[in-house]
Amino acid sequence: MLEYALTCTEQPVPAQRRLIDATAALGQVSEMQVVHGQAVFLTVLTAAIGARTVIEIGTFTGDSALAFARGLAPGGVVDTYNVTDEWSQIASRAWREAGVTDLIRQHIGNAADLLDELPQESFVNIAFIDADKVGYITYWEQLVPRMVDNGLILADNVLYYGDAVSPEAEGNAAAIRAFNEHVMADDRVQPTMLPLADGLTIARKLPRPN
C-alpha cells in the first residue's frame, strides 16, 4: 500500500534524489531522515499557508529543511537547528544543488538555548520538531508563544515505532507519550495526529481572544 501511495506522490527532484541516496549510504542512522512522501507534504503545507518564517529543530542531512524551503513564500527563510555539524556538508551540498541555500540558515548548538535567544513576540508561521525526544516538551513550550495566530507546529515520530501507544512505554517512547499528552492538554492549540510515516502531529495555534 505504501509503495502505491508513493507512486501517487510527486517524485524527488534531482537534488532530493541525490540527498536520499547520500543519506541511505550512512547506514542505520539514515532512519532519522523524513520519508519522501512526508517531505512533499511539508512543501505543500508550507506553500498552502504562504509561510515566510519556518523554524526546524533537528536538521540531520537537510531533507526536511529543503522541503520547507521549496514551499516558502517570497522573502521567506527556514531557520534550522542541530546539536552537531556532523552532517552539515551533506545538507549544504543538497541545498546548493536545489538552489535554496539563500533560503536556509543553519544554527549549530543546543536548540533549547538558541531558541531562548529568539524574539519573544509571535512571528513563526511553521515550526517542526524532529530532534531528541526527551526535549520535545521543552521545544514545544518555547515555540508555542512565538507562533502567529493559526500558525502550525509539527512534531515527528509521535508514534515512535508504535511503542508510544503503550502505557508501559519506556525511554524515548515514554518521552513521546508524555509529549502527546502534553499537546492534548494544551488549550492554546488545536491538534491532530496523522499516521504518516512514524506519526506526525500538526497543531494550529489558536487565535488569541480579543
C-alpha atoms as a PDB file:
ATOM      1  CA  MET A   1       0.000   0.000   0.000  1.00  0.00           C
ATOM      2  CA  LEU A   2       2.809   2.404   0.906  1.00  0.00           C
ATOM      3  CA  GLU A   3       4.565   1.655  -2.375  1.00  0.00           C
ATOM      4  CA  TYR A   4       1.388   2.533  -4.295  1.00  0.00           C
ATOM      5  CA  ALA A   5       0.924   5.745  -2.306  1.00  0.00           C
ATOM      6  CA  LEU A   6       4.436   6.818  -3.277  1.00  0.00           C
ATOM      7  CA  THR A   7       3.622   6.322  -6.967  1.00  0.00           C
ATOM      8  CA  CYS A   8       0.841   8.877  -6.462  1.00  0.00           C
ATOM      9  CA  THR A   9       3.191  11.385  -4.832  1.00  0.00           C
ATOM     10  CA  GLU A  10       5.423  13.960  -6.530  1.00  0.00           C
ATOM     11  CA  GLN A  11       8.748  12.278  -7.258  1.00  0.00           C
ATOM     12  CA  PRO A  12      12.008  13.655  -5.817  1.00  0.00           C
ATOM     13  CA  VAL A  13      13.685  16.439  -7.752  1.00  0.00           C
ATOM     14  CA  PRO A  14      17.295  15.568  -8.673  1.00  0.00           C
ATOM     15  CA  ALA A  15      18.776  17.273  -5.604  1.00  0.00           C
ATOM     16  CA  GLN A  16      16.385  15.380  -3.340  1.00  0.00           C
ATOM     17  CA  ARG A  17      17.146  12.088  -5.064  1.00  0.00           C
ATOM     18  CA  ARG A  18      20.886  12.545  -4.521  1.00  0.00           C
ATOM     19  CA  LEU A  19      20.281  13.571  -0.899  1.00  0.00           C
ATOM     20  CA  ILE A  20      18.139  10.489  -0.260  1.00  0.00           C
ATOM     21  CA  ASP A  21      20.899   8.286  -1.690  1.00  0.00           C
ATOM     22  CA  ALA A  22      23.660  10.054   0.261  1.00  0.00           C
ATOM     23  CA  THR A  23      21.696   9.682   3.488  1.00  0.00           C
ATOM     24  CA  ALA A  24      20.960   5.999   2.859  1.00  0.00           C
ATOM     25  CA  ALA A  25      24.711   5.425   2.462  1.00  0.00           C
ATOM     26  CA  LEU A  26      25.189   6.483   6.108  1.00  0.00           C
ATOM     27  CA  GLY A  27      23.665   3.217   7.279  1.00  0.00           C
ATOM     28  CA  GLN A  28      21.278   2.763  10.192  1.00  0.00           C
ATOM     29  CA  VAL A  29      21.345   6.429  11.178  1.00  0.00           C
ATOM     30  CA  SER A  30      19.575   7.185   7.880  1.00  0.00           C
ATOM     31  CA  GLU A  31      16.288   6.239   9.549  1.00  0.00           C
ATOM     32  CA  MET A  32      16.278   9.757  11.026  1.00  0.00           C
ATOM     33  CA  GLN A  33      15.515  11.186   7.574  1.00  0.00           C
ATOM     34  CA  VAL A  34      11.895  12.030   6.812  1.00  0.00           C
ATOM     35  CA  VAL A  35      10.336   9.775   4.192  1.00  0.00           C
ATOM     36  CA  HIS A  36       9.872  11.418   0.814  1.00  0.00           C
ATOM     37  CA  GLY A  37       6.089  11.463   0.993  1.00  0.00           C
ATOM     38  CA  GLN A  38       6.374  13.392   4.228  1.00  0.00           C
ATOM     39  CA  ALA A  39       8.841  15.828   2.637  1.00  0.00           C
ATOM     40  CA  VAL A  40       6.350  16.567  -0.138  1.00  0.00           C
ATOM     41  CA  PHE A  41       3.648  17.092   2.490  1.00  0.00           C
ATOM     42  CA  LEU A  42       5.859  19.665   4.239  1.00  0.00           C
ATOM     43  CA  THR A  43       6.364  21.537   0.968  1.00  0.00           C
ATOM     44  CA  VAL A  44       2.654  21.522   0.166  1.00  0.00           C
ATOM     45  CA  LEU A  45       1.718  22.685   3.670  1.00  0.00           C
ATOM     46  CA  THR A  46       4.303  25.482   3.643  1.00  0.00           C
ATOM     47  CA  ALA A  47       3.133  26.768   0.279  1.00  0.00           C
ATOM     48  CA  ALA A  48      -0.556  26.419   1.129  1.00  0.00           C
ATOM     49  CA  ILE A  49      -0.360  28.774   4.126  1.00  0.00           C
ATOM     50  CA  GLY A  50       2.104  31.154   2.473  1.00  0.00           C
ATOM     51  CA  ALA A  51       4.699  30.635   5.206  1.00  0.00           C
ATOM     52  CA  ARG A  52       7.581  33.076   5.353  1.00  0.00           C
ATOM     53  CA  THR A  53       9.137  32.043   8.681  1.00  0.00           C
ATOM     54  CA  VAL A  54       9.904  28.390   9.420  1.00  0.00           C
ATOM     55  CA  ILE A  55      11.781  27.041  12.429  1.00  0.00           C
ATOM     56  CA  GLU A  56      13.032  23.465  12.377  1.00  0.00           C
ATOM     57  CA  ILE A  57      14.501  21.619  15.360  1.00  0.00           C
ATOM     58  CA  GLY A  58      16.665  18.780  14.025  1.00  0.00           C
ATOM     59  CA  THR A  59      18.429  19.251  10.683  1.00  0.00           C
ATOM     60  CA  PHE A  60      20.150  15.886  10.129  1.00  0.00           C
ATOM     61  CA  THR A  61      21.115  15.771   6.401  1.00  0.00           C
ATOM     62  CA  GLY A  62      18.811  18.612   5.442  1.00  0.00           C
ATOM     63  CA  ASP A  63      15.933  16.920   3.619  1.00  0.00           C
ATOM     64  CA  SER A  64      13.103  18.476   5.619  1.00  0.00           C
ATOM     65  CA  ALA A  65      14.739  21.921   5.546  1.00  0.00           C
ATOM     66  CA  LEU A  66      14.962  21.565   1.761  1.00  0.00           C
ATOM     67  CA  ALA A  67      11.286  20.577   1.663  1.00  0.00           C
ATOM     68  CA  PHE A  68      10.262  23.649   3.649  1.00  0.00           C
ATOM     69  CA  ALA A  69      12.449  25.922   1.512  1.00  0.00           C
ATOM     70  CA  ARG A  70      10.764  24.669  -1.667  1.00  0.00           C
ATOM     71  CA  GLY A  71       7.401  25.875  -0.332  1.00  0.00           C
ATOM     72  CA  LEU A  72       8.395  29.240   1.150  1.00  0.00           C
ATOM     73  CA  ALA A  73       6.610  32.417   0.153  1.00  0.00           C
ATOM     74  CA  PRO A  74       8.836  35.099  -1.449  1.00  0.00           C
ATOM     75  CA  GLY A  75      11.196  36.580   1.114  1.00  0.00           C
ATOM     76  CA  GLY A  76      10.822  33.620   3.433  1.00  0.00           C
ATOM     77  CA  VAL A  77      13.517  31.788   5.365  1.00  0.00           C
ATOM     78  CA  VAL A  78      13.996  28.469   7.164  1.00  0.00           C
ATOM     79  CA  ASP A  79      15.991  28.542  10.407  1.00  0.00           C
ATOM     80  CA  THR A  80      17.145  25.011  11.192  1.00  0.00           C
ATOM     81  CA  TYR A  81      18.821  23.950  14.433  1.00  0.00           C
ATOM     82  CA  ASN A  82      21.043  20.946  15.067  1.00  0.00           C
ATOM     83  CA  VAL A  83      23.217  19.987  18.009  1.00  0.00           C
ATOM     84  CA  THR A  84      26.061  18.811  15.729  1.00  0.00           C
ATOM     85  CA  ASP A  85      27.501  19.779  12.348  1.00  0.00           C
ATOM     86  CA  GLU A  86      28.320  16.127  11.588  1.00  0.00           C
ATOM     87  CA  TRP A  87      26.036  16.015   8.543  1.00  0.00           C
ATOM     88  CA  SER A  88      26.178  19.690   7.568  1.00  0.00           C
ATOM     89  CA  GLN A  89      28.318  19.071   4.484  1.00  0.00           C
ATOM     90  CA  ILE A  90      25.728  16.687   3.055  1.00  0.00           C
ATOM     91  CA  ALA A  91      22.929  19.159   3.803  1.00  0.00           C
ATOM     92  CA  SER A  92      24.765  22.156   2.357  1.00  0.00           C
ATOM     93  CA  ARG A  93      25.534  20.303  -0.867  1.00  0.00           C
ATOM     94  CA  ALA A  94      21.877  19.354  -1.327  1.00  0.00           C
ATOM     95  CA  TRP A  95      20.650  22.866  -0.607  1.00  0.00           C
ATOM     96  CA  ARG A  96      23.151  24.281  -3.082  1.00  0.00           C
ATOM     97  CA  GLU A  97      22.132  21.819  -5.793  1.00  0.00           C
ATOM     98  CA  ALA A  98      18.455  22.656  -5.207  1.00  0.00           C
ATOM     99  CA  GLY A  99      19.151  26.393  -5.384  1.00  0.00           C
ATOM    100  CA  VAL A 100      17.783  27.122  -1.888  1.00  0.00           C
ATOM    101  CA  THR A 101      20.990  27.915   0.023  1.00  0.00           C
ATOM    102  CA  ASP A 102      19.970  31.548   0.487  1.00  0.00           C
ATOM    103  CA  LEU A 103      16.644  30.453   1.977  1.00  0.00           C
ATOM    104  CA  ILE A 104      18.087  28.338   4.804  1.00  0.00           C
ATOM    105  CA  ARG A 105      20.041  29.430   7.872  1.00  0.00           C
ATOM    106  CA  GLN A 106      21.651  26.622   9.841  1.00  0.00           C
ATOM    107  CA  HIS A 107      22.371  27.005  13.564  1.00  0.00           C
ATOM    108  CA  ILE A 108      24.654  24.591  15.419  1.00  0.00           C
ATOM    109  CA  GLY A 109      24.313  24.133  19.166  1.00  0.00           C
ATOM    110  CA  ASN A 110      21.841  23.281  21.893  1.00  0.00           C
ATOM    111  CA  ALA A 111      18.466  24.121  20.370  1.00  0.00           C
ATOM    112  CA  ALA A 112      16.814  24.954  23.685  1.00  0.00           C
ATOM    113  CA  ASP A 113      19.491  27.546  24.457  1.00  0.00           C
ATOM    114  CA  LEU A 114      19.355  29.009  20.955  1.00  0.00           C
ATOM    115  CA  LEU A 115      15.562  29.228  20.954  1.00  0.00           C
ATOM    116  CA  ASP A 116      15.697  31.200  24.192  1.00  0.00           C
ATOM    117  CA  GLU A 117      17.595  33.901  22.292  1.00  0.00           C
ATOM    118  CA  LEU A 118      14.785  34.420  19.769  1.00  0.00           C
ATOM    119  CA  PRO A 119      12.437  37.419  19.990  1.00  0.00           C
ATOM    120  CA  GLN A 120       9.547  36.908  22.390  1.00  0.00           C
ATOM    121  CA  GLU A 121       6.851  38.149  20.005  1.00  0.00           C
ATOM    122  CA  SER A 122       4.754  35.910  17.762  1.00  0.00           C
ATOM    123  CA  PHE A 123       6.452  35.639  14.360  1.00  0.00           C
ATOM    124  CA  VAL A 124       6.718  31.954  13.340  1.00  0.00           C
ATOM    125  CA  ASN A 125       4.397  30.510  10.655  1.00  0.00           C
ATOM    126  CA  ILE A 126       5.538  26.873  10.858  1.00  0.00           C
ATOM    127  CA  ALA A 127       7.658  25.039  13.416  1.00  0.00           C
ATOM    128  CA  PHE A 128       8.857  21.453  13.046  1.00  0.00           C
ATOM    129  CA  ILE A 129      10.173  19.389  15.971  1.00  0.00           C
ATOM    130  CA  ASP A 130      12.231  16.372  14.923  1.00  0.00           C
ATOM    131  CA  ALA A 131      15.102  16.041  17.386  1.00  0.00           C
ATOM    132  CA  ASP A 132      15.855  14.424  20.763  1.00  0.00           C
ATOM    133  CA  LYS A 133      12.587  13.002  22.070  1.00  0.00           C
ATOM    134  CA  VAL A 134      13.112  13.957  25.709  1.00  0.00           C
ATOM    135  CA  GLY A 135      13.387  17.585  24.584  1.00  0.00           C
ATOM    136  CA  TYR A 136      10.076  17.745  22.732  1.00  0.00           C
ATOM    137  CA  ILE A 137       8.064  19.322  25.573  1.00  0.00           C
ATOM    138  CA  THR A 138      10.768  21.942  26.151  1.00  0.00           C
ATOM    139  CA  TYR A 139      10.846  22.871  22.461  1.00  0.00           C
ATOM    140  CA  TRP A 140       7.060  22.952  22.375  1.00  0.00           C
ATOM    141  CA  GLU A 141       6.874  25.398  25.266  1.00  0.00           C
ATOM    142  CA  GLN A 142       9.494  27.621  23.645  1.00  0.00           C
ATOM    143  CA  LEU A 143       7.733  27.616  20.279  1.00  0.00           C
ATOM    144  CA  VAL A 144       4.022  27.947  21.065  1.00  0.00           C
ATOM    145  CA  PRO A 145       4.261  31.554  22.343  1.00  0.00           C
ATOM    146  CA  ARG A 146       6.257  32.515  19.245  1.00  0.00           C
ATOM    147  CA  MET A 147       3.707  31.161  16.750  1.00  0.00           C
ATOM    148  CA  VAL A 148       1.458  33.563  14.878  1.00  0.00           C
ATOM    149  CA  ASP A 149      -2.290  33.072  15.147  1.00  0.00           C
ATOM    150  CA  ASN A 150      -3.190  29.996  13.063  1.00  0.00           C
ATOM    151  CA  GLY A 151       0.493  29.097  12.753  1.00  0.00           C
ATOM    152  CA  LEU A 152       1.281  25.389  12.586  1.00  0.00           C
ATOM    153  CA  ILE A 153       3.503  23.352  14.913  1.00  0.00           C
ATOM    154  CA  LEU A 154       4.507  19.920  13.630  1.00  0.00           C
ATOM    155  CA  ALA A 155       6.143  17.127  15.602  1.00  0.00           C
ATOM    156  CA  ASP A 156       7.601  13.994  14.016  1.00  0.00           C
ATOM    157  CA  ASN A 157       7.887  10.417  15.357  1.00  0.00           C
ATOM    158  CA  VAL A 158       4.889  10.832  17.677  1.00  0.00           C
ATOM    159  CA  LEU A 159       4.106   7.102  17.407  1.00  0.00           C
ATOM    160  CA  TYR A 160       7.750   6.113  17.969  1.00  0.00           C
ATOM    161  CA  TYR A 161       7.588   2.851  16.040  1.00  0.00           C
ATOM    162  CA  GLY A 162       4.247   2.154  17.703  1.00  0.00           C
ATOM    163  CA  ASP A 163       5.834   1.932  21.155  1.00  0.00           C
ATOM    164  CA  ALA A 164       4.320   5.228  22.356  1.00  0.00           C
ATOM    165  CA  VAL A 165       0.874   3.615  22.207  1.00  0.00           C
ATOM    166  CA  SER A 166       1.607   1.541  25.308  1.00  0.00           C
ATOM    167  CA  PRO A 167       1.051   2.950  28.828  1.00  0.00           C
ATOM    168  CA  GLU A 168       4.126   0.896  29.775  1.00  0.00           C
ATOM    169  CA  ALA A 169       6.317   2.707  27.238  1.00  0.00           C
ATOM    170  CA  GLU A 170       9.905   3.294  28.316  1.00  0.00           C
ATOM    171  CA  GLY A 171      12.784   5.565  27.285  1.00  0.00           C
ATOM    172  CA  ASN A 172      12.173   7.662  24.186  1.00  0.00           C
ATOM    173  CA  ALA A 173       8.754   6.082  23.686  1.00  0.00           C
ATOM    174  CA  ALA A 174       7.731   7.206  27.180  1.00  0.00           C
ATOM    175  CA  ALA A 175       9.014  10.715  26.446  1.00  0.00           C
ATOM    176  CA  ILE A 176       6.950  10.815  23.268  1.00  0.00           C
ATOM    177  CA  ARG A 177       3.847   9.528  25.053  1.00  0.00           C
ATOM    178  CA  ALA A 178       4.264  12.277  27.672  1.00  0.00           C
ATOM    179  CA  PHE A 179       4.666  14.820  24.882  1.00  0.00           C
ATOM    180  CA  ASN A 180       1.493  13.630  23.157  1.00  0.00           C
ATOM    181  CA  GLU A 181      -0.427  14.002  26.415  1.00  0.00           C
ATOM    182  CA  HIS A 182       1.080  17.458  26.920  1.00  0.00           C
ATOM    183  CA  VAL A 183      -0.089  18.569  23.480  1.00  0.00           C
ATOM    184  CA  MET A 184      -3.606  17.250  24.021  1.00  0.00           C
ATOM    185  CA  ALA A 185      -3.859  19.168  27.299  1.00  0.00           C
ATOM    186  CA  ASP A 186      -2.692  22.453  25.739  1.00  0.00           C
ATOM    187  CA  ASP A 187      -5.691  24.741  25.225  1.00  0.00           C
ATOM    188  CA  ARG A 188      -3.610  27.131  23.116  1.00  0.00           C
ATOM    189  CA  VAL A 189      -3.690  24.793  20.119  1.00  0.00           C
ATOM    190  CA  GLN A 190      -5.954  22.584  18.005  1.00  0.00           C
ATOM    191  CA  PRO A 191      -4.017  19.336  17.441  1.00  0.00           C
ATOM    192  CA  THR A 192      -4.415  16.308  15.226  1.00  0.00           C
ATOM    193  CA  MET A 193      -2.166  13.282  14.770  1.00  0.00           C
ATOM    194  CA  LEU A 194      -1.672  11.747  11.337  1.00  0.00           C
ATOM    195  CA  PRO A 195      -0.464   8.152  10.832  1.00  0.00           C
ATOM    196  CA  LEU A 196       2.068   9.457   8.315  1.00  0.00           C
ATOM    197  CA  ALA A 197       5.424   7.660   8.435  1.00  0.00           C
ATOM    198  CA  ASP A 198       6.217   7.315  12.175  1.00  0.00           C
ATOM    199  CA  GLY A 199       3.369   9.595  13.194  1.00  0.00           C
ATOM    200  CA  LEU A 200       3.092  13.352  12.599  1.00  0.00           C
ATOM    201  CA  THR A 201       1.281  15.769  14.890  1.00  0.00           C
ATOM    202  CA  ILE A 202       0.004  19.031  13.434  1.00  0.00           C
ATOM    203  CA  ALA A 203      -1.312  21.678  15.803  1.00  0.00           C
ATOM    204  CA  ARG A 204      -2.857  25.029  14.893  1.00  0.00           C
ATOM    205  CA  LYS A 205      -2.091  27.920  17.229  1.00  0.00           C
ATOM    206  CA  LEU A 206      -5.487  29.219  18.203  1.00  0.00           C
ATOM    207  CA  PRO A 207      -6.054  32.968  17.768  1.00  0.00           C
ATOM    208  CA  ARG A 208      -5.820  34.957  20.957  1.00  0.00           C
ATOM    209  CA  PRO A 209      -9.103  36.254  22.380  1.00  0.00           C
ATOM    210  CA  ASN A 210      -9.808  39.878  21.533  1.00  0.00           C
END
